[in-house]
Amino acid sequence: MSSPEEPEQPDQQATGARRLIWAGGTVVALWFIVDGLSGLWPGAGALARLLIAVAVVVVVLAVVLGTVSVLRRDRAD
């Protein structure tokens, strides 16, 4: 039993499952975004589709890193 001041450690298996579900949801969302954007340009070649996919991944990564940065800053205050 832990003291009232110390929060309990999260279950490692539950944390891993949440991360796996989050990663799966992210992959599905990215697929829908890329599929929708490539639908806007049906004549786009393979290189254009690759560039669209890379741009989407970069934007999502920037949003995630920005959110993590804000959350860490808020916890530090």
PDB file of N, CA and C in Angstrom:
ATOM      1  N   MET A   1       0.846  -1.174   0.000  1.00  0.00           N
ATOM      2  CA  MET A   1       0.000   0.000   0.000  1.00  0.00           C
ATOM      3  C   MET A   1       0.892   1.238   0.000  1.00  0.00           C
ATOM      4  N   SER A   2       0.514   2.239  -0.769  1.00  0.00           N
ATOM      5  CA  SER A   2       1.331   3.450  -0.857  1.00  0.00           C
ATOM      6  C   SER A   2       0.736   4.534   0.029  1.00  0.00           C
ATOM      7  N   SER A   3       1.585   5.508   0.314  1.00  0.00           N
ATOM      8  CA  SER A   3       1.126   6.620   1.154  1.00  0.00           C
ATOM      9  C   SER A   3       0.193   7.518   0.352  1.00  0.00           C
ATOM     10  N   PRO A   4      -0.652   8.314   1.005  1.00  0.00           N
ATOM     11  CA  PRO A   4      -1.594   9.178   0.281  1.00  0.00           C
ATOM     12  C   PRO A   4      -0.911  10.226  -0.594  1.00  0.00           C
ATOM     13  N   GLU A   5       0.330  10.600  -0.258  1.00  0.00           N
ATOM     14  CA  GLU A   5       1.014  11.623  -1.044  1.00  0.00           C
ATOM     15  C   GLU A   5       1.544  11.083  -2.364  1.00  0.00           C
ATOM     16  N   GLU A   6       1.807   9.785  -2.437  1.00  0.00           N
ATOM     17  CA  GLU A   6       2.396   9.200  -3.630  1.00  0.00           C
ATOM     18  C   GLU A   6       1.305   8.601  -4.516  1.00  0.00           C
ATOM     19  N   PRO A   7       1.211   9.051  -5.769  1.00  0.00           N
ATOM     20  CA  PRO A   7       0.220   8.434  -6.662  1.00  0.00           C
ATOM     21  C   PRO A   7       0.671   7.031  -7.038  1.00  0.00           C
ATOM     22  N   GLU A   8      -0.295   6.152  -7.283  1.00  0.00           N
ATOM     23  CA  GLU A   8       0.041   4.795  -7.673  1.00  0.00           C
ATOM     24  C   GLU A   8       0.608   4.794  -9.088  1.00  0.00           C
ATOM     25  N   GLN A   9       1.535   3.876  -9.338  1.00  0.00           N
ATOM     26  CA  GLN A   9       2.113   3.735 -10.665  1.00  0.00           C
ATOM     27  C   GLN A   9       1.097   3.076 -11.591  1.00  0.00           C
ATOM     28  N   PRO A  10       0.950   3.577 -12.817  1.00  0.00           N
ATOM     29  CA  PRO A  10       0.002   2.956 -13.737  1.00  0.00           C
ATOM     30  C   PRO A  10       0.466   1.563 -14.120  1.00  0.00           C
ATOM     31  N   ASP A  11      -0.478   0.703 -14.393  1.00  0.00           N
ATOM     32  CA  ASP A  11      -0.179  -0.651 -14.819  1.00  0.00           C
ATOM     33  C   ASP A  11       0.552  -0.599 -16.163  1.00  0.00           C
ATOM     34  N   GLN A  12       1.699  -1.242 -16.258  1.00  0.00           N
ATOM     35  CA  GLN A  12       2.513  -1.186 -17.477  1.00  0.00           C
ATOM     36  C   GLN A  12       1.776  -1.792 -18.670  1.00  0.00           C
ATOM     37  N   GLN A  13       1.017  -2.856 -18.430  1.00  0.00           N
ATOM     38  CA  GLN A  13       0.288  -3.486 -19.524  1.00  0.00           C
ATOM     39  C   GLN A  13      -0.816  -2.561 -20.042  1.00  0.00           C
ATOM     40  N   ALA A  14      -1.500  -1.875 -19.135  1.00  0.00           N
ATOM     41  CA  ALA A  14      -2.550  -0.947 -19.541  1.00  0.00           C
ATOM     42  C   ALA A  14      -1.954   0.229 -20.313  1.00  0.00           C
ATOM     43  N   THR A  15      -0.811   0.712 -19.868  1.00  0.00           N
ATOM     44  CA  THR A  15      -0.146   1.811 -20.572  1.00  0.00           C
ATOM     45  C   THR A  15       0.254   1.379 -21.976  1.00  0.00           C
ATOM     46  N   GLY A  16       0.800   0.190 -22.100  1.00  0.00           N
ATOM     47  CA  GLY A  16       1.182  -0.336 -23.413  1.00  0.00           C
ATOM     48  C   GLY A  16      -0.016  -0.519 -24.328  1.00  0.00           C
ATOM     49  N   ALA A  17      -1.125  -0.993 -23.768  1.00  0.00           N
ATOM     50  CA  ALA A  17      -2.336  -1.184 -24.571  1.00  0.00           C
ATOM     51  C   ALA A  17      -2.881   0.149 -25.053  1.00  0.00           C
ATOM     52  N   ARG A  18      -2.866   1.165 -24.164  1.00  0.00           N
ATOM     53  CA  ARG A  18      -3.338   2.494 -24.581  1.00  0.00           C
ATOM     54  C   ARG A  18      -2.469   3.052 -25.691  1.00  0.00           C
ATOM     55  N   ARG A  19      -1.166   2.886 -25.594  1.00  0.00           N
ATOM     56  CA  ARG A  19      -0.269   3.383 -26.643  1.00  0.00           C
ATOM     57  C   ARG A  19      -0.494   2.647 -27.951  1.00  0.00           C
ATOM     58  N   LEU A  20      -0.720   1.344 -27.886  1.00  0.00           N
ATOM     59  CA  LEU A  20      -0.960   0.559 -29.090  1.00  0.00           C
ATOM     60  C   LEU A  20      -2.264   0.982 -29.759  1.00  0.00           C
ATOM     61  N   ILE A  21      -3.309   1.191 -28.963  1.00  0.00           N
ATOM     62  CA  ILE A  21      -4.592   1.643 -29.507  1.00  0.00           C
ATOM     63  C   ILE A  21      -4.446   3.030 -30.107  1.00  0.00           C
ATOM     64  N   TRP A  22      -3.725   3.922 -29.423  1.00  0.00           N
ATOM     65  CA  TRP A  22      -3.511   5.274 -29.934  1.00  0.00           C
ATOM     66  C   TRP A  22      -2.746   5.227 -31.260  1.00  0.00           C
ATOM     67  N   ALA A  23      -1.712   4.393 -31.327  1.00  0.00           N
ATOM     68  CA  ALA A  23      -0.918   4.289 -32.554  1.00  0.00           C
ATOM     69  C   ALA A  23      -1.771   3.729 -33.696  1.00  0.00           C
ATOM     70  N   GLY A  24      -2.586   2.739 -33.415  1.00  0.00           N
ATOM     71  CA  GLY A  24      -3.460   2.178 -34.443  1.00  0.00           C
ATOM     72  C   GLY A  24      -4.460   3.201 -34.947  1.00  0.00           C
ATOM     73  N   GLY A  25      -5.054   3.953 -34.029  1.00  0.00           N
ATOM     74  CA  GLY A  25      -5.987   5.004 -34.425  1.00  0.00           C
ATOM     75  C   GLY A  25      -5.312   6.081 -35.253  1.00  0.00           C
ATOM     76  N   THR A  26      -4.084   6.409 -34.903  1.00  0.00           N
ATOM     77  CA  THR A  26      -3.326   7.414 -35.657  1.00  0.00           C
ATOM     78  C   THR A  26      -3.048   6.934 -37.073  1.00  0.00           C
ATOM     79  N   VAL A  27      -2.671   5.675 -37.213  1.00  0.00           N
ATOM     80  CA  VAL A  27      -2.391   5.121 -38.543  1.00  0.00           C
ATOM     81  C   VAL A  27      -3.655   5.138 -39.397  1.00  0.00           C
ATOM     82  N   VAL A  28      -4.779   4.736 -38.825  1.00  0.00           N
ATOM     83  CA  VAL A  28      -6.041   4.742 -39.574  1.00  0.00           C
ATOM     84  C   VAL A  28      -6.415   6.172 -39.970  1.00  0.00           C
ATOM     85  N   ALA A  29      -6.272   7.117 -39.047  1.00  0.00           N
ATOM     86  CA  ALA A  29      -6.593   8.513 -39.351  1.00  0.00           C
ATOM     87  C   ALA A  29      -5.689   9.054 -40.458  1.00  0.00           C
ATOM     88  N   LEU A  30      -4.398   8.743 -40.387  1.00  0.00           N
ATOM     89  CA  LEU A  30      -3.476   9.199 -41.431  1.00  0.00           C
ATOM     90  C   LEU A  30      -3.850   8.602 -42.784  1.00  0.00           C
ATOM     91  N   TRP A  31      -4.255   7.326 -42.784  1.00  0.00           N
ATOM     92  CA  TRP A  31      -4.649   6.701 -44.037  1.00  0.00           C
ATOM     93  C   TRP A  31      -5.841   7.428 -44.644  1.00  0.00           C
ATOM     94  N   PHE A  32      -6.865   7.754 -43.817  1.00  0.00           N
ATOM     95  CA  PHE A  32      -8.027   8.464 -44.316  1.00  0.00           C
ATOM     96  C   PHE A  32      -7.652   9.854 -44.825  1.00  0.00           C
ATOM     97  N   ILE A  33      -6.774  10.536 -44.129  1.00  0.00           N
ATOM     98  CA  ILE A  33      -6.354  11.873 -44.555  1.00  0.00           C
ATOM     99  C   ILE A  33      -5.628  11.802 -45.892  1.00  0.00           C
ATOM    100  N   VAL A  34      -4.683  10.895 -46.011  1.00  0.00           N
ATOM    101  CA  VAL A  34      -3.916  10.754 -47.251  1.00  0.00           C
ATOM    102  C   VAL A  34      -4.827  10.304 -48.385  1.00  0.00           C
ATOM    103  N   ASP A  35      -5.737   9.384 -48.109  1.00  0.00           N
ATOM    104  CA  ASP A  35      -6.665   8.915 -49.134  1.00  0.00           C
ATOM    105  C   ASP A  35      -7.555  10.066 -49.612  1.00  0.00           C
ATOM    106  N   GLY A  36      -8.030  10.883 -48.676  1.00  0.00           N
ATOM    107  CA  GLY A  36      -8.862  12.023 -49.048  1.00  0.00           C
ATOM    108  C   GLY A  36      -8.108  13.055 -49.854  1.00  0.00           C
ATOM    109  N   LEU A  37      -6.877  13.345 -49.435  1.00  0.00           N
ATOM    110  CA  LEU A  37      -6.085  14.323 -50.172  1.00  0.00           C
ATOM    111  C   LEU A  37      -5.710  13.815 -51.556  1.00  0.00           C
ATOM    112  N   SER A  38      -5.385  12.539 -51.669  1.00  0.00           N
ATOM    113  CA  SER A  38      -5.042  12.014 -52.995  1.00  0.00           C
ATOM    114  C   SER A  38      -6.284  11.941 -53.876  1.00  0.00           C
ATOM    115  N   GLY A  39      -7.487  11.855 -53.255  1.00  0.00           N
ATOM    116  CA  GLY A  39      -8.724  11.893 -54.026  1.00  0.00           C
ATOM    117  C   GLY A  39      -8.970  13.253 -54.647  1.00  0.00           C
ATOM    118  N   LEU A  40      -8.411  14.290 -54.040  1.00  0.00           N
ATOM    119  CA  LEU A  40      -8.538  15.629 -54.611  1.00  0.00           C
ATOM    120  C   LEU A  40      -7.777  15.754 -55.930  1.00  0.00           C
ATOM    121  N   TRP A  41      -6.711  14.979 -56.046  1.00  0.00           N
ATOM    122  CA  TRP A  41      -5.888  14.976 -57.253  1.00  0.00           C
ATOM    123  C   TRP A  41      -5.797  13.551 -57.790  1.00  0.00           C
ATOM    124  N   PRO A  42      -6.862  13.079 -58.477  1.00  0.00           N
ATOM    125  CA  PRO A  42      -6.869  11.680 -58.922  1.00  0.00           C
ATOM    126  C   PRO A  42      -5.779  11.368 -59.949  1.00  0.00           C
ATOM    127  N   GLY A  43      -5.303  12.373 -60.641  1.00  0.00           N
ATOM    128  CA  GLY A  43      -4.271  12.136 -61.638  1.00  0.00           C
ATOM    129  C   GLY A  43      -2.867  12.166 -61.067  1.00  0.00           C
ATOM    130  N   ALA A  44      -2.746  12.322 -59.757  1.00  0.00           N
ATOM    131  CA  ALA A  44      -1.423  12.415 -59.131  1.00  0.00           C
ATOM    132  C   ALA A  44      -0.688  11.086 -59.268  1.00  0.00           C
ATOM    133  N   GLY A  45       0.587  11.189 -59.532  1.00  0.00           N
ATOM    134  CA  GLY A  45       1.407   9.994 -59.650  1.00  0.00           C
ATOM    135  C   GLY A  45       1.859   9.485 -58.286  1.00  0.00           C
ATOM    136  N   ALA A  46       2.689   8.470 -58.325  1.00  0.00           N
ATOM    137  CA  ALA A  46       3.176   7.852 -57.082  1.00  0.00           C
ATOM    138  C   ALA A  46       4.011   8.834 -56.267  1.00  0.00           C
ATOM    139  N   LEU A  47       4.830   9.632 -56.940  1.00  0.00           N
ATOM    140  CA  LEU A  47       5.668  10.596 -56.222  1.00  0.00           C
ATOM    141  C   LEU A  47       4.808  11.653 -55.526  1.00  0.00           C
ATOM    142  N   ALA A  48       3.772  12.129 -56.201  1.00  0.00           N
ATOM    143  CA  ALA A  48       2.886  13.124 -55.593  1.00  0.00           C
ATOM    144  C   ALA A  48       2.174  12.533 -54.382  1.00  0.00           C
ATOM    145  N   ARG A  49       1.719  11.296 -54.474  1.00  0.00           N
ATOM    146  CA  ARG A  49       1.065  10.646 -53.337  1.00  0.00           C
ATOM    147  C   ARG A  49       2.030  10.470 -52.176  1.00  0.00           C
ATOM    148  N   LEU A  50       3.268  10.151 -52.479  1.00  0.00           N
ATOM    149  CA  LEU A  50       4.281  10.019 -51.431  1.00  0.00           C
ATOM    150  C   LEU A  50       4.513  11.367 -50.748  1.00  0.00           C
ATOM    151  N   LEU A  51       4.597  12.423 -51.534  1.00  0.00           N
ATOM    152  CA  LEU A  51       4.786  13.763 -50.961  1.00  0.00           C
ATOM    153  C   LEU A  51       3.586  14.175 -50.106  1.00  0.00           C
ATOM    154  N   ILE A  52       2.376  13.832 -50.537  1.00  0.00           N
ATOM    155  CA  ILE A  52       1.186  14.116 -49.741  1.00  0.00           C
ATOM    156  C   ILE A  52       1.261  13.376 -48.413  1.00  0.00           C
ATOM    157  N   ALA A  53       1.635  12.100 -48.457  1.00  0.00           N
ATOM    158  CA  ALA A  53       1.727  11.302 -47.234  1.00  0.00           C
ATOM    159  C   ALA A  53       2.778  11.876 -46.294  1.00  0.00           C
ATOM    160  N   VAL A  54       3.928  12.258 -46.828  1.00  0.00           N
ATOM    161  CA  VAL A  54       4.994  12.828 -46.003  1.00  0.00           C
ATOM    162  C   VAL A  54       4.541  14.148 -45.391  1.00  0.00           C
ATOM    163  N   ALA A  55       3.863  14.977 -46.153  1.00  0.00           N
ATOM    164  CA  ALA A  55       3.380  16.259 -45.630  1.00  0.00           C
ATOM    165  C   ALA A  55       2.378  16.047 -44.501  1.00  0.00           C
ATOM    166  N   VAL A  56       1.480  15.089 -44.660  1.00  0.00           N
ATOM    167  CA  VAL A  56       0.501  14.804 -43.610  1.00  0.00           C
ATOM    168  C   VAL A  56       1.198  14.315 -42.345  1.00  0.00           C
ATOM    169  N   VAL A  57       2.158  13.418 -42.497  1.00  0.00           N
ATOM    170  CA  VAL A  57       2.888  12.894 -41.334  1.00  0.00           C
ATOM    171  C   VAL A  57       3.646  14.021 -40.632  1.00  0.00           C
ATOM    172  N   VAL A  58       4.266  14.905 -41.382  1.00  0.00           N
ATOM    173  CA  VAL A  58       5.014  16.014 -40.787  1.00  0.00           C
ATOM    174  C   VAL A  58       4.079  16.945 -40.017  1.00  0.00           C
ATOM    175  N   VAL A  59       2.917  17.254 -40.579  1.00  0.00           N
ATOM    176  CA  VAL A  59       1.960  18.128 -39.894  1.00  0.00           C
ATOM    177  C   VAL A  59       1.451  17.471 -38.614  1.00  0.00           C
ATOM    178  N   VAL A  60       1.088  16.203 -38.693  1.00  0.00           N
ATOM    179  CA  VAL A  60       0.599  15.501 -37.497  1.00  0.00           C
ATOM    180  C   VAL A  60       1.695  15.427 -36.446  1.00  0.00           C
ATOM    181  N   LEU A  61       2.922  15.164 -36.846  1.00  0.00           N
ATOM    182  CA  LEU A  61       4.041  15.105 -35.913  1.00  0.00           C
ATOM    183  C   LEU A  61       4.264  16.463 -35.245  1.00  0.00           C
ATOM    184  N   ALA A  62       4.160  17.536 -36.006  1.00  0.00           N
ATOM    185  CA  ALA A  62       4.318  18.873 -35.429  1.00  0.00           C
ATOM    186  C   ALA A  62       3.219  19.163 -34.409  1.00  0.00           C
ATOM    187  N   VAL A  63       1.989  18.766 -34.707  1.00  0.00           N
ATOM    188  CA  VAL A  63       0.884  18.980 -33.777  1.00  0.00           C
ATOM    189  C   VAL A  63       1.105  18.171 -32.502  1.00  0.00           C
ATOM    190  N   VAL A  64       1.516  16.929 -32.649  1.00  0.00           N
ATOM    191  CA  VAL A  64       1.752  16.070 -31.476  1.00  0.00           C
ATOM    192  C   VAL A  64       2.885  16.629 -30.620  1.00  0.00           C
ATOM    193  N   LEU A  65       3.983  17.012 -31.243  1.00  0.00           N
ATOM    194  CA  LEU A  65       5.110  17.553 -30.480  1.00  0.00           C
ATOM    195  C   LEU A  65       4.744  18.878 -29.809  1.00  0.00           C
ATOM    196  N   GLY A  66       3.974  19.698 -30.478  1.00  0.00           N
ATOM    197  CA  GLY A  66       3.518  20.946 -29.868  1.00  0.00           C
ATOM    198  C   GLY A  66       2.621  20.692 -28.672  1.00  0.00           C
ATOM    199  N   THR A  67       1.720  19.725 -28.792  1.00  0.00           N
ATOM    200  CA  THR A  67       0.833  19.377 -27.686  1.00  0.00           C
ATOM    201  C   THR A  67       1.622  18.828 -26.506  1.00  0.00           C
ATOM    202  N   VAL A  68       2.569  17.959 -26.770  1.00  0.00           N
ATOM    203  CA  VAL A  68       3.398  17.399 -25.703  1.00  0.00           C
ATOM    204  C   VAL A  68       4.187  18.507 -25.015  1.00  0.00           C
ATOM    205  N   SER A  69       4.711  19.425 -25.786  1.00  0.00           N
ATOM    206  CA  SER A  69       5.472  20.540 -25.216  1.00  0.00           C
ATOM    207  C   SER A  69       4.599  21.389 -24.297  1.00  0.00           C
ATOM    208  N   VAL A  70       3.392  21.695 -24.738  1.00  0.00           N
ATOM    209  CA  VAL A  70       2.483  22.500 -23.910  1.00  0.00           C
ATOM    210  C   VAL A  70       2.098  21.746 -22.644  1.00  0.00           C
ATOM    211  N   LEU A  71       1.801  20.464 -22.768  1.00  0.00           N
ATOM    212  CA  LEU A  71       1.418  19.679 -21.594  1.00  0.00           C
ATOM    213  C   LEU A  71       2.558  19.578 -20.585  1.00  0.00           C
ATOM    214  N   ARG A  72       3.778  19.391 -21.061  1.00  0.00           N
ATOM    215  CA  ARG A  72       4.927  19.326 -20.151  1.00  0.00           C
ATOM    216  C   ARG A  72       5.154  20.661 -19.466  1.00  0.00           C
ATOM    217  N   ARG A  73       4.997  21.744 -20.216  1.00  0.00           N
ATOM    218  CA  ARG A  73       5.182  23.080 -19.638  1.00  0.00           C
ATOM    219  C   ARG A  73       4.121  23.352 -18.574  1.00  0.00           C
ATOM    220  N   ASP A  74       2.876  22.924 -18.846  1.00  0.00           N
ATOM    221  CA  ASP A  74       1.808  23.115 -17.874  1.00  0.00           C
ATOM    222  C   ASP A  74       2.044  22.286 -16.616  1.00  0.00           C
ATOM    223  N   ARG A  75       2.584  21.090 -16.748  1.00  0.00           N
ATOM    224  CA  ARG A  75       2.873  20.261 -15.568  1.00  0.00           C
ATOM    225  C   ARG A  75       3.998  20.851 -14.746  1.00  0.00           C
ATOM    226  N   ALA A  76       4.961  21.503 -15.402  1.00  0.00           N
ATOM    227  CA  ALA A  76       6.111  22.071 -14.685  1.00  0.00           C
ATOM    228  C   ALA A  76       5.702  23.290 -13.870  1.00  0.00           C
ATOM    229  N   ASP A  77       4.644  23.982 -14.282  1.00  0.00           N
ATOM    230  CA  ASP A  77       4.214  25.190 -13.561  1.00  0.00           C
ATOM    231  C   ASP A  77       3.472  24.881 -12.303  1.00  0.00           C
TER     232      ASP A  77
END
